[in-house]
N, C-alpha and C. Protein backbone atom coordinates (compact mmCIF):
# COMPACT_ATOMS: atom_id res chain seq x y z
N MET A 1 0.83 -1.20 0.00
CA MET A 1 0.00 0.00 0.00
C MET A 1 0.87 1.26 0.00
N ARG A 2 1.86 1.30 0.87
CA ARG A 2 2.74 2.47 0.97
C ARG A 2 3.52 2.66 -0.32
N VAL A 3 3.95 1.56 -0.95
CA VAL A 3 4.69 1.65 -2.21
C VAL A 3 3.82 2.26 -3.30
N ARG A 4 2.54 1.86 -3.36
CA ARG A 4 1.64 2.39 -4.38
C ARG A 4 1.40 3.88 -4.16
N VAL A 5 1.24 4.28 -2.91
CA VAL A 5 1.02 5.70 -2.60
C VAL A 5 2.23 6.53 -3.03
N LYS A 6 3.42 6.05 -2.70
CA LYS A 6 4.63 6.78 -3.09
C LYS A 6 4.77 6.84 -4.60
N LYS A 7 4.41 5.77 -5.29
CA LYS A 7 4.49 5.77 -6.74
C LYS A 7 3.57 6.82 -7.33
N ARG A 8 2.36 6.95 -6.78
CA ARG A 8 1.42 7.96 -7.27
C ARG A 8 1.96 9.36 -7.01
N ILE A 9 2.61 9.54 -5.87
CA ILE A 9 3.19 10.85 -5.56
C ILE A 9 4.28 11.20 -6.55
N LEU A 10 5.18 10.25 -6.82
CA LEU A 10 6.30 10.51 -7.72
C LEU A 10 5.85 10.71 -9.16
N GLU A 11 4.68 10.17 -9.53
CA GLU A 11 4.17 10.35 -10.89
C GLU A 11 3.79 11.79 -11.17
N ARG A 12 3.61 12.59 -10.11
CA ARG A 12 3.27 14.00 -10.29
C ARG A 12 4.48 14.83 -10.72
N TYR A 13 5.67 14.28 -10.57
CA TYR A 13 6.89 15.02 -10.88
C TYR A 13 7.47 14.55 -12.22
N GLU A 14 8.05 15.49 -12.93
CA GLU A 14 8.83 15.12 -14.12
C GLU A 14 10.16 14.54 -13.68
N ARG A 15 10.80 13.86 -14.60
CA ARG A 15 12.13 13.31 -14.32
C ARG A 15 13.12 13.84 -15.35
N SER A 16 14.35 14.01 -14.90
CA SER A 16 15.40 14.46 -15.80
C SER A 16 15.84 13.31 -16.69
N ASP A 17 16.71 13.62 -17.63
CA ASP A 17 17.19 12.58 -18.55
C ASP A 17 17.90 11.45 -17.83
N ASP A 18 18.53 11.77 -16.70
CA ASP A 18 19.24 10.72 -15.95
C ASP A 18 18.36 10.08 -14.87
N GLY A 19 17.05 10.37 -14.90
CA GLY A 19 16.11 9.67 -14.02
C GLY A 19 15.85 10.33 -12.68
N ARG A 20 16.44 11.49 -12.43
CA ARG A 20 16.20 12.15 -11.16
C ARG A 20 14.86 12.88 -11.16
N VAL A 21 14.21 12.92 -9.99
CA VAL A 21 12.94 13.63 -9.85
C VAL A 21 13.21 15.12 -9.90
N CYS A 22 12.38 15.86 -10.63
CA CYS A 22 12.55 17.31 -10.79
C CYS A 22 11.57 18.06 -9.89
N ILE A 23 12.08 18.88 -9.00
CA ILE A 23 11.24 19.81 -8.25
C ILE A 23 11.23 21.11 -9.04
N ASP A 24 10.10 21.43 -9.66
CA ASP A 24 10.02 22.58 -10.55
C ASP A 24 9.51 23.82 -9.80
N VAL A 25 10.17 24.93 -10.07
CA VAL A 25 9.79 26.23 -9.50
C VAL A 25 9.74 27.22 -10.65
N ALA A 26 8.60 27.88 -10.84
CA ALA A 26 8.45 28.87 -11.90
C ALA A 26 8.29 30.26 -11.28
N ALA A 27 8.97 31.22 -11.85
CA ALA A 27 8.88 32.60 -11.36
C ALA A 27 9.12 33.55 -12.52
N ARG A 28 8.56 34.76 -12.42
CA ARG A 28 8.77 35.75 -13.48
C ARG A 28 10.18 36.31 -13.43
N ARG A 29 10.61 36.67 -12.22
CA ARG A 29 11.91 37.32 -12.06
C ARG A 29 12.70 36.63 -10.97
N VAL A 30 14.00 36.80 -11.00
CA VAL A 30 14.84 36.21 -9.96
C VAL A 30 14.53 36.84 -8.60
N GLU A 31 14.10 38.10 -8.61
CA GLU A 31 13.76 38.77 -7.35
C GLU A 31 12.63 38.08 -6.61
N ASP A 32 11.76 37.37 -7.35
CA ASP A 32 10.62 36.70 -6.72
C ASP A 32 11.04 35.51 -5.87
N LEU A 33 12.27 35.08 -6.00
CA LEU A 33 12.75 33.93 -5.23
C LEU A 33 13.21 34.31 -3.83
N TYR A 34 13.28 35.60 -3.56
CA TYR A 34 13.88 36.06 -2.31
C TYR A 34 12.94 36.98 -1.54
N GLU A 35 13.12 36.96 -0.21
CA GLU A 35 12.38 37.88 0.64
C GLU A 35 12.83 39.31 0.41
N ASP A 36 14.13 39.49 0.32
CA ASP A 36 14.70 40.83 0.15
C ASP A 36 15.92 40.70 -0.74
N PHE A 37 15.68 40.85 -2.03
CA PHE A 37 16.77 40.63 -2.99
C PHE A 37 17.72 41.82 -3.00
N ASP A 38 18.99 41.54 -2.85
CA ASP A 38 20.03 42.57 -2.85
C ASP A 38 21.03 42.25 -3.96
N LYS A 39 21.03 43.06 -4.99
CA LYS A 39 21.90 42.78 -6.13
C LYS A 39 23.38 42.95 -5.80
N THR A 40 23.67 43.66 -4.70
CA THR A 40 25.07 43.89 -4.34
C THR A 40 25.63 42.80 -3.44
N ALA A 41 24.76 41.94 -2.89
CA ALA A 41 25.23 40.92 -1.95
C ALA A 41 25.99 39.84 -2.72
N PRO A 42 27.14 39.38 -2.20
CA PRO A 42 27.90 38.34 -2.90
C PRO A 42 27.22 36.98 -2.87
N TYR A 43 26.41 36.73 -1.86
CA TYR A 43 25.66 35.48 -1.80
C TYR A 43 24.50 35.67 -0.83
N HIS A 44 23.58 34.74 -0.87
CA HIS A 44 22.42 34.79 0.02
C HIS A 44 22.46 33.58 0.94
N ARG A 45 22.06 33.80 2.18
CA ARG A 45 22.10 32.68 3.11
C ARG A 45 20.75 32.47 3.78
N LYS A 46 20.07 33.56 4.13
CA LYS A 46 18.87 33.39 4.95
C LYS A 46 17.62 34.01 4.33
N ASP A 47 17.71 34.53 3.09
CA ASP A 47 16.61 35.34 2.60
C ASP A 47 15.83 34.73 1.45
N LEU A 48 15.84 33.42 1.29
CA LEU A 48 14.95 32.80 0.32
C LEU A 48 13.50 33.10 0.72
N ASP A 49 12.65 33.26 -0.27
CA ASP A 49 11.23 33.47 0.01
C ASP A 49 10.69 32.33 0.88
N ALA A 50 9.92 32.69 1.91
CA ALA A 50 9.46 31.69 2.88
C ALA A 50 8.59 30.62 2.21
N ASP A 51 7.69 31.04 1.30
CA ASP A 51 6.83 30.06 0.62
C ASP A 51 7.66 29.13 -0.26
N LEU A 52 8.67 29.69 -0.91
CA LEU A 52 9.55 28.86 -1.74
C LEU A 52 10.30 27.85 -0.89
N ALA A 53 10.84 28.29 0.23
CA ALA A 53 11.58 27.38 1.12
C ALA A 53 10.67 26.26 1.61
N ASP A 54 9.45 26.61 2.03
CA ASP A 54 8.51 25.59 2.51
C ASP A 54 8.14 24.62 1.39
N TYR A 55 7.98 25.15 0.18
CA TYR A 55 7.64 24.29 -0.96
C TYR A 55 8.75 23.28 -1.24
N LEU A 56 9.99 23.74 -1.22
CA LEU A 56 11.11 22.83 -1.46
C LEU A 56 11.20 21.76 -0.38
N VAL A 57 10.97 22.16 0.87
CA VAL A 57 11.00 21.18 1.96
C VAL A 57 9.88 20.15 1.80
N ASP A 58 8.67 20.62 1.48
CA ASP A 58 7.53 19.71 1.32
C ASP A 58 7.77 18.72 0.18
N CYS A 59 8.26 19.24 -0.94
CA CYS A 59 8.50 18.37 -2.10
C CYS A 59 9.58 17.34 -1.79
N ALA A 60 10.69 17.80 -1.23
CA ALA A 60 11.78 16.88 -0.91
C ALA A 60 11.33 15.84 0.11
N GLY A 61 10.46 16.24 1.03
CA GLY A 61 9.95 15.31 2.03
C GLY A 61 9.10 14.21 1.42
N GLU A 62 8.22 14.56 0.48
CA GLU A 62 7.36 13.53 -0.10
C GLU A 62 8.09 12.71 -1.16
N ILE A 63 9.14 13.25 -1.75
CA ILE A 63 9.94 12.46 -2.69
C ILE A 63 10.67 11.34 -1.95
N GLY A 64 11.05 11.62 -0.71
CA GLY A 64 11.69 10.58 0.11
C GLY A 64 13.14 10.35 -0.29
N GLY A 65 13.50 9.09 -0.42
CA GLY A 65 14.89 8.75 -0.66
C GLY A 65 15.32 8.80 -2.12
N ASP A 66 14.41 9.13 -3.03
CA ASP A 66 14.77 9.20 -4.44
C ASP A 66 15.67 10.42 -4.71
N ASP A 67 16.57 10.28 -5.66
CA ASP A 67 17.41 11.41 -6.05
C ASP A 67 16.56 12.47 -6.73
N PHE A 68 16.85 13.72 -6.44
CA PHE A 68 16.08 14.80 -7.05
C PHE A 68 16.99 15.97 -7.39
N LEU A 69 16.47 16.83 -8.24
CA LEU A 69 17.13 18.09 -8.55
C LEU A 69 16.08 19.20 -8.48
N ILE A 70 16.55 20.44 -8.37
CA ILE A 70 15.67 21.60 -8.31
C ILE A 70 15.83 22.37 -9.61
N ARG A 71 14.69 22.63 -10.27
CA ARG A 71 14.74 23.28 -11.57
C ARG A 71 13.90 24.56 -11.56
N PHE A 72 14.58 25.68 -11.69
CA PHE A 72 13.92 26.98 -11.73
C PHE A 72 13.66 27.37 -13.18
N THR A 73 12.44 27.85 -13.46
CA THR A 73 12.10 28.36 -14.77
C THR A 73 11.73 29.83 -14.63
N LEU A 74 12.48 30.70 -15.29
CA LEU A 74 12.28 32.14 -15.20
C LEU A 74 11.97 32.72 -16.58
N GLU A 75 11.25 33.82 -16.61
CA GLU A 75 10.88 34.43 -17.88
C GLU A 75 12.04 35.20 -18.50
N ARG A 76 12.93 35.66 -17.65
CA ARG A 76 14.03 36.49 -18.15
C ARG A 76 15.32 35.68 -18.27
N LEU A 77 16.08 36.01 -19.27
CA LEU A 77 17.39 35.41 -19.44
C LEU A 77 18.34 35.96 -18.37
N LEU A 78 19.04 35.07 -17.68
CA LEU A 78 19.89 35.49 -16.57
C LEU A 78 21.36 35.43 -16.96
N SER A 79 22.12 36.25 -16.28
CA SER A 79 23.57 36.19 -16.45
C SER A 79 24.11 34.97 -15.71
N GLU A 80 25.30 34.56 -16.08
CA GLU A 80 25.92 33.42 -15.39
C GLU A 80 26.13 33.72 -13.91
N ASP A 81 26.39 34.99 -13.60
CA ASP A 81 26.59 35.38 -12.21
C ASP A 81 25.33 35.17 -11.39
N LEU A 82 24.18 35.56 -11.93
CA LEU A 82 22.92 35.37 -11.21
C LEU A 82 22.58 33.90 -11.05
N VAL A 83 22.89 33.11 -12.06
CA VAL A 83 22.64 31.67 -11.97
C VAL A 83 23.50 31.07 -10.85
N ARG A 84 24.75 31.47 -10.78
CA ARG A 84 25.62 30.98 -9.70
C ARG A 84 25.09 31.40 -8.34
N ARG A 85 24.56 32.61 -8.25
CA ARG A 85 24.06 33.10 -6.97
C ARG A 85 22.78 32.39 -6.55
N ILE A 86 21.95 32.01 -7.51
CA ILE A 86 20.76 31.22 -7.17
C ILE A 86 21.18 29.89 -6.57
N ARG A 87 22.15 29.24 -7.22
CA ARG A 87 22.63 27.96 -6.69
C ARG A 87 23.25 28.14 -5.31
N SER A 88 24.06 29.19 -5.17
CA SER A 88 24.72 29.45 -3.89
C SER A 88 23.71 29.75 -2.81
N SER A 89 22.66 30.50 -3.15
CA SER A 89 21.68 30.89 -2.13
C SER A 89 20.86 29.71 -1.65
N VAL A 90 20.48 28.82 -2.57
CA VAL A 90 19.72 27.63 -2.17
C VAL A 90 20.57 26.76 -1.25
N LYS A 91 21.80 26.52 -1.66
CA LYS A 91 22.70 25.71 -0.84
C LYS A 91 22.94 26.37 0.52
N GLY A 92 23.27 27.66 0.50
CA GLY A 92 23.58 28.35 1.75
C GLY A 92 22.40 28.43 2.69
N PHE A 93 21.20 28.66 2.14
CA PHE A 93 20.00 28.78 2.96
C PHE A 93 19.73 27.49 3.72
N PHE A 94 19.81 26.37 3.03
CA PHE A 94 19.48 25.11 3.69
C PHE A 94 20.62 24.58 4.55
N LEU A 95 21.85 24.95 4.23
CA LEU A 95 22.93 24.65 5.17
C LEU A 95 22.74 25.45 6.47
N TYR A 96 22.29 26.68 6.33
CA TYR A 96 22.01 27.52 7.50
C TYR A 96 20.89 26.91 8.34
N ARG A 97 19.83 26.48 7.67
CA ARG A 97 18.73 25.82 8.39
C ARG A 97 19.21 24.56 9.09
N ARG A 98 20.07 23.81 8.43
CA ARG A 98 20.59 22.59 9.05
C ARG A 98 21.41 22.93 10.29
N GLU A 99 22.20 23.99 10.21
CA GLU A 99 22.99 24.41 11.37
C GLU A 99 22.08 24.78 12.54
N LEU A 100 20.99 25.51 12.25
CA LEU A 100 20.05 25.88 13.31
C LEU A 100 19.42 24.64 13.94
N GLU A 101 19.05 23.69 13.11
CA GLU A 101 18.42 22.47 13.61
C GLU A 101 19.41 21.66 14.44
N GLN A 102 20.65 21.60 14.00
CA GLN A 102 21.67 20.89 14.76
C GLN A 102 21.90 21.55 16.11
N ALA A 103 21.90 22.89 16.14
CA ALA A 103 22.05 23.60 17.41
C ALA A 103 20.87 23.32 18.32
N SER A 104 19.66 23.25 17.74
CA SER A 104 18.48 22.93 18.54
C SER A 104 18.55 21.53 19.12
N VAL A 105 19.07 20.58 18.34
CA VAL A 105 19.23 19.21 18.83
C VAL A 105 20.21 19.17 19.99
N ARG A 106 21.32 19.89 19.85
CA ARG A 106 22.31 19.91 20.93
C ARG A 106 21.71 20.51 22.20
N THR A 107 20.93 21.58 22.06
CA THR A 107 20.28 22.20 23.22
C THR A 107 19.29 21.23 23.86
N MET A 108 18.51 20.54 23.02
CA MET A 108 17.54 19.58 23.54
C MET A 108 18.22 18.43 24.26
N LEU A 109 19.32 17.94 23.69
CA LEU A 109 20.03 16.83 24.33
C LEU A 109 20.62 17.24 25.67
N ARG A 110 21.19 18.46 25.72
CA ARG A 110 21.73 18.93 27.00
C ARG A 110 20.63 19.06 28.05
N ALA A 111 19.47 19.60 27.64
CA ALA A 111 18.35 19.74 28.58
C ALA A 111 17.85 18.37 29.02
N SER A 112 17.74 17.42 28.09
CA SER A 112 17.24 16.09 28.44
C SER A 112 18.19 15.37 29.38
N ILE A 113 19.50 15.47 29.10
CA ILE A 113 20.48 14.82 29.97
C ILE A 113 20.47 15.46 31.35
N GLY A 114 20.36 16.80 31.38
CA GLY A 114 20.30 17.49 32.67
C GLY A 114 19.09 17.06 33.49
N MET A 115 17.92 16.96 32.84
CA MET A 115 16.72 16.52 33.55
C MET A 115 16.84 15.07 33.99
N LEU A 116 17.46 14.23 33.16
CA LEU A 116 17.62 12.83 33.53
C LEU A 116 18.53 12.70 34.75
N VAL A 117 19.64 13.43 34.75
CA VAL A 117 20.56 13.39 35.90
C VAL A 117 19.87 13.91 37.15
N ALA A 118 19.13 15.01 37.00
CA ALA A 118 18.42 15.56 38.15
C ALA A 118 17.39 14.56 38.68
N GLY A 119 16.68 13.90 37.76
CA GLY A 119 15.69 12.92 38.18
C GLY A 119 16.30 11.75 38.92
N VAL A 120 17.44 11.26 38.41
CA VAL A 120 18.12 10.14 39.07
C VAL A 120 18.61 10.55 40.46
N LEU A 121 19.16 11.76 40.56
CA LEU A 121 19.63 12.24 41.87
C LEU A 121 18.48 12.39 42.85
N LEU A 122 17.37 12.93 42.38
CA LEU A 122 16.20 13.07 43.25
C LEU A 122 15.65 11.71 43.66
N LEU A 123 15.66 10.77 42.73
CA LEU A 123 15.18 9.43 43.06
C LEU A 123 16.08 8.79 44.11
N GLY A 124 17.40 8.97 43.95
CA GLY A 124 18.32 8.46 44.96
C GLY A 124 18.11 9.11 46.31
N LEU A 125 17.81 10.41 46.30
CA LEU A 125 17.55 11.13 47.55
C LEU A 125 16.29 10.62 48.23
N SER A 126 15.27 10.33 47.43
CA SER A 126 14.02 9.83 48.00
C SER A 126 14.20 8.45 48.64
N LEU A 127 15.15 7.66 48.12
CA LEU A 127 15.44 6.34 48.70
C LEU A 127 16.38 6.45 49.90
N TRP A 128 17.20 7.49 49.92
CA TRP A 128 18.18 7.66 50.99
C TRP A 128 17.56 8.28 52.25
N LEU A 129 16.63 9.20 52.08
CA LEU A 129 16.08 9.92 53.23
C LEU A 129 15.40 9.02 54.26
N PRO A 130 14.52 8.08 53.86
CA PRO A 130 13.86 7.25 54.88
C PRO A 130 14.85 6.45 55.73
N GLY A 131 15.96 6.02 55.16
CA GLY A 131 16.94 5.29 55.95
C GLY A 131 17.78 6.19 56.84
N ARG A 132 17.87 7.45 56.47
CA ARG A 132 18.69 8.41 57.23
C ARG A 132 17.91 9.02 58.38
N PHE A 133 16.62 9.28 58.15
CA PHE A 133 15.79 9.91 59.16
C PHE A 133 14.59 9.02 59.46
N ASP A 134 14.15 9.08 60.68
CA ASP A 134 13.00 8.27 61.11
C ASP A 134 11.73 9.05 60.87
N PHE A 135 10.97 8.64 59.84
CA PHE A 135 9.71 9.30 59.53
C PHE A 135 8.50 8.53 60.07
N THR A 136 8.77 7.55 60.95
CA THR A 136 7.67 6.73 61.43
C THR A 136 7.08 7.23 62.74
N GLY A 137 7.82 8.11 63.40
CA GLY A 137 7.33 8.63 64.67
C GLY A 137 6.17 9.58 64.48
N ASP A 138 5.45 9.84 65.55
CA ASP A 138 4.27 10.72 65.47
C ASP A 138 4.64 12.15 65.12
N VAL A 139 5.83 12.59 65.52
CA VAL A 139 6.21 13.98 65.31
C VAL A 139 6.55 14.26 63.86
N GLY A 140 7.34 13.37 63.25
CA GLY A 140 7.85 13.64 61.90
C GLY A 140 7.19 12.87 60.80
N ALA A 141 6.21 12.00 61.09
CA ALA A 141 5.64 11.13 60.08
C ALA A 141 4.98 11.91 58.95
N PHE A 142 4.12 12.88 59.30
CA PHE A 142 3.35 13.56 58.26
C PHE A 142 4.22 14.44 57.35
N PRO A 143 4.97 15.41 57.89
CA PRO A 143 5.78 16.23 56.99
C PRO A 143 6.90 15.44 56.31
N GLY A 144 7.49 14.47 57.02
CA GLY A 144 8.56 13.68 56.42
C GLY A 144 8.06 12.83 55.28
N GLY A 145 6.90 12.20 55.47
CA GLY A 145 6.32 11.37 54.41
C GLY A 145 5.97 12.19 53.18
N ILE A 146 5.42 13.39 53.41
CA ILE A 146 5.07 14.28 52.30
C ILE A 146 6.33 14.69 51.53
N LEU A 147 7.40 14.98 52.29
CA LEU A 147 8.66 15.38 51.66
C LEU A 147 9.19 14.28 50.76
N VAL A 148 9.26 13.05 51.28
CA VAL A 148 9.78 11.93 50.49
C VAL A 148 8.90 11.67 49.26
N GLU A 149 7.59 11.73 49.47
CA GLU A 149 6.67 11.50 48.35
C GLU A 149 6.83 12.56 47.27
N GLY A 150 6.96 13.82 47.72
CA GLY A 150 7.14 14.91 46.75
C GLY A 150 8.43 14.77 45.96
N ILE A 151 9.51 14.39 46.64
CA ILE A 151 10.80 14.20 45.94
C ILE A 151 10.70 13.05 44.95
N THR A 152 10.01 11.98 45.35
CA THR A 152 9.85 10.83 44.45
C THR A 152 9.08 11.21 43.19
N ILE A 153 7.99 11.95 43.38
CA ILE A 153 7.18 12.39 42.23
C ILE A 153 8.00 13.29 41.31
N ALA A 154 8.72 14.24 41.93
CA ALA A 154 9.55 15.15 41.13
C ALA A 154 10.60 14.38 40.36
N ALA A 155 11.17 13.34 40.97
CA ALA A 155 12.19 12.54 40.30
C ALA A 155 11.63 11.85 39.06
N TRP A 156 10.47 11.21 39.22
CA TRP A 156 9.89 10.50 38.08
C TRP A 156 9.41 11.45 37.00
N VAL A 157 8.91 12.62 37.40
CA VAL A 157 8.49 13.62 36.40
C VAL A 157 9.69 14.08 35.57
N ALA A 158 10.82 14.33 36.23
CA ALA A 158 12.02 14.77 35.53
C ALA A 158 12.53 13.68 34.59
N ILE A 159 12.55 12.43 35.07
CA ILE A 159 13.01 11.32 34.23
C ILE A 159 12.09 11.12 33.04
N TRP A 160 10.78 11.18 33.28
CA TRP A 160 9.81 10.99 32.21
C TRP A 160 9.91 12.10 31.17
N GLU A 161 10.03 13.34 31.65
CA GLU A 161 10.12 14.48 30.74
C GLU A 161 11.37 14.38 29.87
N SER A 162 12.49 13.95 30.44
CA SER A 162 13.71 13.82 29.67
C SER A 162 13.57 12.75 28.59
N LEU A 163 12.92 11.64 28.92
CA LEU A 163 12.72 10.57 27.95
C LEU A 163 11.76 10.99 26.85
N VAL A 164 10.68 11.70 27.22
CA VAL A 164 9.71 12.16 26.23
C VAL A 164 10.37 13.12 25.25
N ARG A 165 11.14 14.06 25.78
CA ARG A 165 11.85 15.01 24.91
C ARG A 165 12.77 14.28 23.94
N PHE A 166 13.48 13.31 24.44
CA PHE A 166 14.43 12.60 23.59
C PHE A 166 13.72 11.74 22.55
N LEU A 167 12.71 11.00 22.97
CA LEU A 167 12.07 10.05 22.07
C LEU A 167 11.13 10.72 21.07
N LEU A 168 10.49 11.83 21.45
CA LEU A 168 9.51 12.46 20.56
C LEU A 168 10.08 13.64 19.79
N THR A 169 11.03 14.36 20.35
CA THR A 169 11.57 15.55 19.70
C THR A 169 12.76 15.24 18.82
N TRP A 170 13.61 14.34 19.25
CA TRP A 170 14.86 14.06 18.55
C TRP A 170 14.66 13.46 17.15
N PRO A 171 13.82 12.42 16.97
CA PRO A 171 13.71 11.81 15.63
C PRO A 171 13.26 12.78 14.53
N PRO A 172 12.20 13.59 14.73
CA PRO A 172 11.84 14.52 13.65
C PRO A 172 12.91 15.57 13.37
N GLN A 173 13.63 15.98 14.40
CA GLN A 173 14.71 16.94 14.17
C GLN A 173 15.83 16.33 13.33
N ILE A 174 16.16 15.09 13.61
CA ILE A 174 17.18 14.41 12.81
C ILE A 174 16.73 14.26 11.37
N ARG A 175 15.44 13.97 11.16
CA ARG A 175 14.92 13.87 9.80
C ARG A 175 15.01 15.20 9.07
N ARG A 176 14.72 16.30 9.78
CA ARG A 176 14.83 17.62 9.16
C ARG A 176 16.29 17.95 8.81
N ILE A 177 17.20 17.60 9.70
CA ILE A 177 18.62 17.84 9.42
C ILE A 177 19.06 17.12 8.14
N ARG A 178 18.66 15.86 8.01
CA ARG A 178 19.00 15.10 6.81
C ARG A 178 18.33 15.69 5.57
N LEU A 179 17.08 16.12 5.73
CA LEU A 179 16.35 16.69 4.59
C LEU A 179 16.98 17.99 4.13
N TYR A 180 17.33 18.86 5.06
CA TYR A 180 17.98 20.12 4.69
C TYR A 180 19.32 19.85 4.01
N GLY A 181 20.03 18.85 4.49
CA GLY A 181 21.30 18.50 3.86
C GLY A 181 21.12 18.01 2.43
N ARG A 182 20.06 17.24 2.20
CA ARG A 182 19.80 16.73 0.85
C ARG A 182 19.43 17.86 -0.10
N ILE A 183 18.62 18.82 0.39
CA ILE A 183 18.24 19.95 -0.46
C ILE A 183 19.47 20.80 -0.78
N ALA A 184 20.32 21.03 0.24
CA ALA A 184 21.52 21.83 0.03
C ALA A 184 22.45 21.18 -0.99
N ALA A 185 22.46 19.86 -1.02
CA ALA A 185 23.37 19.13 -1.92
C ALA A 185 22.75 18.88 -3.30
N ALA A 186 21.48 19.22 -3.48
CA ALA A 186 20.79 18.92 -4.74
C ALA A 186 21.33 19.79 -5.89
N THR A 187 21.32 19.22 -7.07
CA THR A 187 21.67 19.97 -8.27
C THR A 187 20.59 21.02 -8.54
N VAL A 188 21.00 22.24 -8.84
CA VAL A 188 20.06 23.32 -9.14
C VAL A 188 20.24 23.73 -10.60
N LEU A 189 19.17 23.58 -11.38
CA LEU A 189 19.16 24.00 -12.77
C LEU A 189 18.31 25.25 -12.93
N VAL A 190 18.72 26.12 -13.82
CA VAL A 190 17.95 27.34 -14.09
C VAL A 190 17.71 27.39 -15.59
N ARG A 191 16.45 27.57 -15.98
CA ARG A 191 16.16 27.66 -17.42
C ARG A 191 15.34 28.91 -17.71
N HIS A 192 15.51 29.37 -18.92
CA HIS A 192 14.82 30.57 -19.39
C HIS A 192 13.68 30.13 -20.29
N TYR A 193 12.52 30.75 -20.09
CA TYR A 193 11.36 30.37 -20.88
C TYR A 193 10.74 31.61 -21.50
N GLU A 194 10.45 31.53 -22.79
CA GLU A 194 9.73 32.61 -23.46
C GLU A 194 8.53 32.00 -24.15
N GLY A 195 7.35 32.53 -23.84
CA GLY A 195 6.14 32.08 -24.54
C GLY A 195 6.09 32.76 -25.89
N GLY A 196 4.99 32.60 -26.55
CA GLY A 196 4.83 33.26 -27.84
C GLY A 196 4.97 32.28 -28.98
N GLY A 197 5.54 32.80 -30.07
CA GLY A 197 5.63 31.98 -31.28
C GLY A 197 6.33 30.66 -31.08
N GLN A 198 7.43 30.70 -30.42
CA GLN A 198 8.19 29.45 -30.23
C GLN A 198 8.79 29.44 -28.84
N GLU A 199 8.60 28.33 -28.15
CA GLU A 199 9.16 28.21 -26.82
C GLU A 199 10.69 28.15 -26.91
N LYS A 200 11.29 28.78 -25.95
CA LYS A 200 12.76 28.74 -25.91
C LYS A 200 13.18 28.40 -24.49
N LYS A 201 13.84 27.28 -24.31
CA LYS A 201 14.26 26.87 -22.99
C LYS A 201 15.78 26.64 -23.03
N VAL A 202 16.44 27.35 -22.20
CA VAL A 202 17.89 27.21 -22.10
C VAL A 202 18.25 26.82 -20.69
N LEU A 203 18.87 25.68 -20.54
CA LEU A 203 19.26 25.21 -19.21
C LEU A 203 20.68 25.69 -18.89
N TYR A 204 20.85 26.10 -17.61
CA TYR A 204 22.18 26.52 -17.12
C TYR A 204 22.69 25.47 -16.16
């Protein structure tokens, strides 16, 4: 069933001559690809149009493990410099996103390990206190028992929270890191299209 669904998804995409899936992006001008296009900037890293970035991520995600390329179709003929900058900006943008995601994973792992250590220490404290102090007497039974119970609950909450963060947050982040890396490494083609009497397509 899953194989058939993926096959139907991939049938929506064209393929290049060498069999790679083509993620097609059409725009009138190169400026439409960016949030804030700066002709003087040597390269772009963070300013790809948000809808374009989301579209590339969605397409690459549903393509899965198949090889793909990104193909831009623009109405205007571009200089070689602009074509190089489009390629550089796509690569740089998704490398930047990957770096952010990797930093987020490191932060999450440090927080999870810290909570796990704290939970284990609290659990050890909850087991150590009853043997160290007598909570069975009439004077100390009520507050002492509440203290031990509260520490035990806090310990298990910390341990549980650390495991939930690791098991539920870490896998999707790792998938995004791999996906951003694949998009950054993808071949980027740029072609010029003119409607009218005769179509003209030039691939760069």
